[in-house]
Protein backbone atom coordinates (compact mmCIF):
# COMPACT_ATOMS: atom_id res chain seq x y z
CA UNK A 1 -104.71 -48.32 -40.72
CA UNK A 2 -106.41 -50.12 -37.87
CA UNK A 3 -108.80 -48.07 -35.75
CA UNK A 4 -106.68 -48.53 -32.63
CA UNK A 5 -103.82 -46.78 -34.41
CA UNK A 6 -105.88 -43.77 -35.39
CA UNK A 7 -105.98 -40.57 -33.43
CA UNK A 8 -109.02 -40.17 -31.22
CA UNK A 9 -110.93 -36.95 -30.62
CA UNK A 10 -113.87 -35.92 -28.47
CA UNK A 11 -115.91 -32.90 -29.53
CA UNK A 12 -118.64 -31.68 -27.19
CA UNK A 13 -121.77 -30.15 -28.69
CA UNK A 14 -120.86 -31.82 -31.97
CA UNK A 15 -124.25 -32.60 -33.47
CA UNK A 16 -124.72 -29.14 -34.98
CA UNK A 17 -123.09 -25.82 -35.84
CA UNK A 18 -119.35 -25.24 -35.47
CA UNK A 19 -118.98 -28.42 -33.41
CA UNK A 20 -120.31 -30.53 -36.27
CA UNK A 21 -117.98 -28.83 -38.74
CA UNK A 22 -114.99 -29.50 -36.47
CA UNK A 23 -116.01 -33.15 -36.13
CA UNK A 24 -116.45 -33.41 -39.90
CA UNK A 25 -112.95 -32.05 -40.56
CA UNK A 26 -111.42 -34.40 -38.00
CA UNK A 27 -113.18 -37.43 -39.49
CA UNK A 28 -111.92 -36.40 -42.91
CA UNK A 29 -108.42 -36.30 -41.42
CA UNK A 30 -108.73 -39.93 -40.34
CA UNK A 31 -109.52 -39.27 -36.67
CA UNK A 32 -111.93 -41.44 -34.76
CA UNK A 33 -114.30 -38.71 -33.58
CA UNK A 34 -116.63 -39.01 -30.62
CA UNK A 35 -119.56 -36.67 -31.25
CA UNK A 36 -120.78 -35.50 -27.85
CA UNK A 37 -124.49 -34.63 -27.88
CA UNK A 38 -127.03 -34.07 -25.12
CA UNK A 39 -129.65 -35.73 -27.31
CA UNK A 40 -128.25 -39.07 -28.44
CA UNK A 41 -130.63 -39.31 -31.40
CA UNK A 42 -129.33 -36.02 -32.76
CA UNK A 43 -125.83 -37.33 -32.16
CA UNK A 44 -126.58 -40.49 -34.12
CA UNK A 45 -128.05 -38.51 -37.00
CA UNK A 46 -124.96 -36.29 -37.11
CA UNK A 47 -122.60 -39.27 -36.94
CA UNK A 48 -124.44 -40.98 -39.78
CA UNK A 49 -123.53 -38.05 -42.01
CA UNK A 50 -119.84 -38.39 -41.23
CA UNK A 51 -119.26 -42.08 -41.85
CA UNK A 52 -117.53 -44.84 -39.96
CA UNK A 53 -114.98 -42.59 -38.25
CA UNK A 54 -117.73 -40.88 -36.24
CA UNK A 55 -119.07 -42.32 -32.98
CA UNK A 56 -122.05 -40.66 -31.26
CA UNK A 57 -121.97 -40.47 -27.48
CA UNK A 58 -124.51 -39.01 -25.09
CA UNK A 59 -122.76 -36.19 -23.31
CA UNK A 60 -124.34 -33.41 -21.30
CA UNK A 61 -121.48 -31.30 -19.97
CA UNK A 62 -123.61 -30.33 -16.95
CA UNK A 63 -124.30 -33.96 -16.02
CA UNK A 64 -121.31 -35.73 -14.52
CA UNK A 65 -122.69 -39.22 -15.07
CA UNK A 66 -122.72 -38.73 -18.85
CA UNK A 67 -119.24 -37.22 -18.78
CA UNK A 68 -117.82 -40.14 -16.84
CA UNK A 69 -119.61 -42.66 -19.08
CA UNK A 70 -118.16 -41.06 -22.21
CA UNK A 71 -114.67 -41.04 -20.73
CA UNK A 72 -115.03 -44.68 -19.67
CA UNK A 73 -116.07 -45.72 -23.19
CA UNK A 74 -113.04 -44.00 -24.74
CA UNK A 75 -110.80 -45.59 -22.13
CA UNK A 76 -112.19 -49.05 -22.79
CA UNK A 77 -112.03 -48.86 -26.59
CA UNK A 78 -108.87 -46.83 -27.17
CA UNK A 79 -107.08 -46.17 -23.88
CA UNK A 80 -106.14 -42.65 -24.95
CA UNK A 81 -107.48 -39.37 -26.27
CA UNK A 82 -105.45 -37.25 -28.67
CA UNK A 83 -107.75 -34.24 -28.80
CA UNK A 84 -110.47 -32.70 -26.67
CA UNK A 85 -112.53 -29.90 -28.19
CA UNK A 86 -114.66 -28.16 -25.58
CA UNK A 87 -117.19 -26.72 -28.01
CA UNK A 88 -120.52 -27.10 -26.20
CA UNK A 89 -121.90 -23.70 -25.25
CA UNK A 90 -125.15 -21.82 -24.79
CA UNK A 91 -125.97 -18.11 -24.88
CA UNK A 92 -129.08 -18.36 -22.71
CA UNK A 93 -131.02 -20.91 -20.73
CA UNK A 94 -133.89 -21.03 -23.21
CA UNK A 95 -136.28 -19.02 -21.06
CA UNK A 96 -135.89 -15.79 -23.03
CA UNK A 97 -137.39 -15.09 -26.42
CA UNK A 98 -136.72 -12.38 -28.97
CA UNK A 99 -133.89 -11.09 -31.08
CA UNK A 100 -130.25 -11.44 -30.13
CA UNK A 101 -130.22 -7.75 -29.17
CA UNK A 102 -133.24 -8.15 -26.89
CA UNK A 103 -131.75 -11.17 -25.16
CA UNK A 104 -128.42 -9.40 -24.65
CA UNK A 105 -130.21 -6.39 -23.14
CA UNK A 106 -131.80 -8.72 -20.59
CA UNK A 107 -128.35 -10.04 -19.67
CA UNK A 108 -126.87 -6.73 -18.51
CA UNK A 109 -125.54 -6.85 -14.95
CA UNK A 110 -128.12 -4.39 -13.64
CA UNK A 111 -131.12 -6.48 -14.72
CA UNK A 112 -129.91 -10.04 -15.25
CA UNK A 113 -131.74 -13.01 -13.80
CA UNK A 114 -128.99 -14.65 -11.77
CA UNK A 115 -130.52 -18.09 -12.31
CA UNK A 116 -130.16 -17.51 -16.06
CA UNK A 117 -126.54 -16.50 -15.54
CA UNK A 118 -125.86 -19.56 -13.41
CA UNK A 119 -127.38 -21.92 -15.99
CA UNK A 120 -125.21 -20.57 -18.82
CA UNK A 121 -122.05 -20.64 -16.72
CA UNK A 122 -122.86 -24.23 -15.76
CA UNK A 123 -122.38 -25.20 -19.43
CA UNK A 124 -119.82 -22.69 -20.65
CA UNK A 125 -117.46 -22.69 -17.67
CA UNK A 126 -118.02 -25.53 -15.22
CA UNK A 127 -118.80 -27.96 -18.04
CA UNK A 128 -115.41 -27.25 -19.61
CA UNK A 129 -113.66 -28.01 -16.32
CA UNK A 130 -115.69 -31.16 -15.70
CA UNK A 131 -115.07 -32.68 -19.12
CA UNK A 132 -111.40 -31.77 -19.07
CA UNK A 133 -110.88 -33.34 -15.66
CA UNK A 134 -112.61 -36.54 -16.79
CA UNK A 135 -110.35 -37.11 -19.82
CA UNK A 136 -107.06 -35.67 -18.62
CA UNK A 137 -105.55 -39.09 -17.91
CA UNK A 138 -106.55 -40.24 -21.41
CA UNK A 139 -104.82 -37.20 -22.89
CA UNK A 140 -101.65 -38.03 -21.01
CA UNK A 141 -101.49 -41.32 -22.91
CA UNK A 142 -101.45 -39.64 -26.34
CA UNK A 143 -98.36 -38.65 -28.32
CA UNK A 144 -99.39 -35.06 -29.10
CA UNK A 145 -102.41 -34.32 -26.90
CA UNK A 146 -104.37 -31.08 -27.28
CA UNK A 147 -107.21 -29.28 -25.55
CA UNK A 148 -109.05 -26.71 -27.65
CA UNK A 149 -111.60 -24.46 -25.98
CA UNK A 150 -114.04 -22.78 -28.36
CA UNK A 151 -114.36 -19.23 -27.09
CA UNK A 152 -115.54 -15.87 -28.44
CA UNK A 153 -114.09 -12.45 -29.09
CA UNK A 154 -116.66 -11.28 -26.53
CA UNK A 155 -114.58 -13.13 -23.96
CA UNK A 156 -111.63 -10.76 -24.35
CA UNK A 157 -111.74 -8.18 -21.57
CA UNK A 158 -108.98 -6.21 -23.28
CA UNK A 159 -111.02 -5.87 -26.47
CA UNK A 160 -114.14 -4.99 -24.52
CA UNK A 161 -112.37 -2.13 -22.76
CA UNK A 162 -111.54 -0.56 -26.12
CA UNK A 163 -114.16 2.12 -26.94
CA UNK A 164 -113.57 1.54 -30.65
CA UNK A 165 -114.71 -2.07 -30.45
CA UNK A 166 -118.17 -2.15 -32.12
CA UNK A 167 -119.14 -5.30 -30.23
CA UNK A 168 -118.37 -4.05 -26.70
CA UNK A 169 -121.94 -2.82 -26.19
CA UNK A 170 -123.00 -6.46 -26.31
CA UNK A 171 -120.73 -7.47 -23.44
CA UNK A 172 -122.89 -8.98 -20.71
CA UNK A 173 -122.53 -11.08 -17.56
CA UNK A 174 -124.23 -14.16 -19.00
CA UNK A 175 -122.62 -15.22 -22.29
CA UNK A 176 -119.80 -12.69 -22.70
CA UNK A 177 -118.53 -12.97 -19.14
CA UNK A 178 -118.88 -16.76 -19.24
CA UNK A 179 -116.45 -16.82 -22.15
CA UNK A 180 -114.08 -14.53 -20.25
CA UNK A 181 -114.25 -16.99 -17.36
CA UNK A 182 -113.66 -19.90 -19.72
CA UNK A 183 -110.62 -18.05 -21.08
CA UNK A 184 -109.37 -17.73 -17.51
CA UNK A 185 -109.80 -21.49 -17.10
CA UNK A 186 -107.84 -21.95 -20.35
CA UNK A 187 -104.98 -19.83 -19.01
CA UNK A 188 -104.93 -21.64 -15.66
CA UNK A 189 -104.92 -25.02 -17.37
CA UNK A 190 -102.21 -24.00 -19.84
CA UNK A 191 -100.03 -22.88 -16.92
CA UNK A 192 -100.67 -26.07 -14.97
CA UNK A 193 -99.81 -28.26 -17.96
CA UNK A 194 -96.94 -26.23 -19.41
CA UNK A 195 -94.40 -28.81 -18.22
CA UNK A 196 -96.27 -31.60 -20.02
CA UNK A 197 -96.86 -32.22 -23.73
CA UNK A 198 -100.56 -31.29 -23.47
CA UNK A 199 -101.33 -28.02 -25.24
CA UNK A 200 -104.26 -25.81 -24.26
CA UNK A 201 -105.57 -23.13 -26.61
CA UNK A 202 -108.68 -20.99 -26.96
CA UNK A 203 -110.17 -20.11 -30.35
CA UNK A 204 -112.99 -17.89 -31.56
CA UNK A 205 -115.00 -18.83 -34.67
CA UNK A 206 -115.94 -15.18 -35.13
CA UNK A 207 -119.50 -13.91 -35.52
CA UNK A 208 -120.91 -17.14 -36.91
CA UNK A 209 -124.58 -17.73 -37.68
CA UNK A 210 -125.62 -20.50 -35.27
CA UNK A 211 -128.42 -21.24 -32.83
CA UNK A 212 -126.26 -19.46 -30.25
CA UNK A 213 -127.23 -16.07 -31.72
CA UNK A 214 -130.56 -16.91 -33.38
CA UNK A 215 -128.61 -17.39 -36.62
CA UNK A 216 -127.96 -13.63 -36.76
CA UNK A 217 -124.20 -14.02 -37.21
CA UNK A 218 -122.51 -12.71 -40.34
CA UNK A 219 -120.35 -15.75 -41.14
CA UNK A 220 -121.39 -19.27 -42.15
CA UNK A 221 -120.53 -22.21 -39.91
CA UNK A 222 -118.19 -23.43 -42.64
CA UNK A 223 -116.30 -20.13 -42.51
CA UNK A 224 -116.43 -19.91 -38.74
CA UNK A 225 -115.06 -23.41 -38.27
CA UNK A 226 -111.85 -22.76 -40.23
CA UNK A 227 -109.78 -21.42 -37.35
CA UNK A 228 -111.09 -23.94 -34.77
CA UNK A 229 -110.25 -26.74 -37.20
CA UNK A 230 -106.76 -25.34 -37.80
CA UNK A 231 -106.08 -25.12 -34.06
CA UNK A 232 -107.52 -28.58 -33.45
CA UNK A 233 -105.23 -30.16 -36.05
CA UNK A 234 -102.15 -28.21 -34.98
CA UNK A 235 -99.56 -30.54 -33.43
CA UNK A 236 -96.76 -27.94 -33.35
CA UNK A 237 -96.80 -27.73 -29.56
CA UNK A 238 -98.00 -24.12 -29.38
CA UNK A 239 -99.95 -23.57 -26.15
CA UNK A 240 -101.65 -20.79 -24.21
CA UNK A 241 -102.88 -18.84 -27.23
CA UNK A 242 -106.22 -17.21 -28.04
CA UNK A 243 -106.85 -16.79 -31.76
CA UNK A 244 -109.70 -15.86 -34.07
CA UNK A 245 -110.53 -15.82 -37.77
CA UNK A 246 -107.54 -15.59 -40.12
CA UNK A 247 -105.27 -16.68 -37.26
CA UNK A 248 -105.56 -13.28 -35.60
CA UNK A 249 -104.11 -13.34 -32.07
CA UNK A 250 -106.63 -12.01 -29.56
CA UNK A 251 -105.64 -10.42 -26.25
CA UNK A 252 -106.97 -12.12 -23.15
């Protein structure tokens, strides 16, 4: 199969963690995978592990020039994009130190540093919108185009209002609320595109041990990537869903 006939995917934040596992699975399924990475050297190192189907691209979802450059490269080489995985995300701006619990305590609405909140939302919310806007025309040229937004169970306001939810005490206005906002973007986009063939779904990897939580998660990245990979490869046309591990349907 010639490369121009292959399906093309872009995964943001793909040089490590769940993003890398998603990119790996896509490459193994014969996709040409653009590995978006803020640090291009880290992107190249990740791509080297995945073989010829992987293409590193410098992509900072908070920097429009890198977004536009990545979209332009895909346009020039392939003229389409079959799959966008908005995976890039941060839990803090890097100014706080300590355990996951200590960082979450500092992100409560009564004490949060609003600049910290703004920095995280810049990546987790506005970055998703910026990247999606930049590649939407490329998606329209694909046969079964999909947008997959990597979310979190913490982003479900319904679950967080349930007193029996053991994770609700960790709900904050920095990371947790940013994922709720990203879910809202997912819903708005799914509604806007419901008359097209572009599907838009949100997916939670579960409590996965990554840099996002100081590697304090309970699941491996291999385990956590299973549902995101399933959703990314799903060409059934299902849209507007929010799922988690074991295909569990999450309430918005």
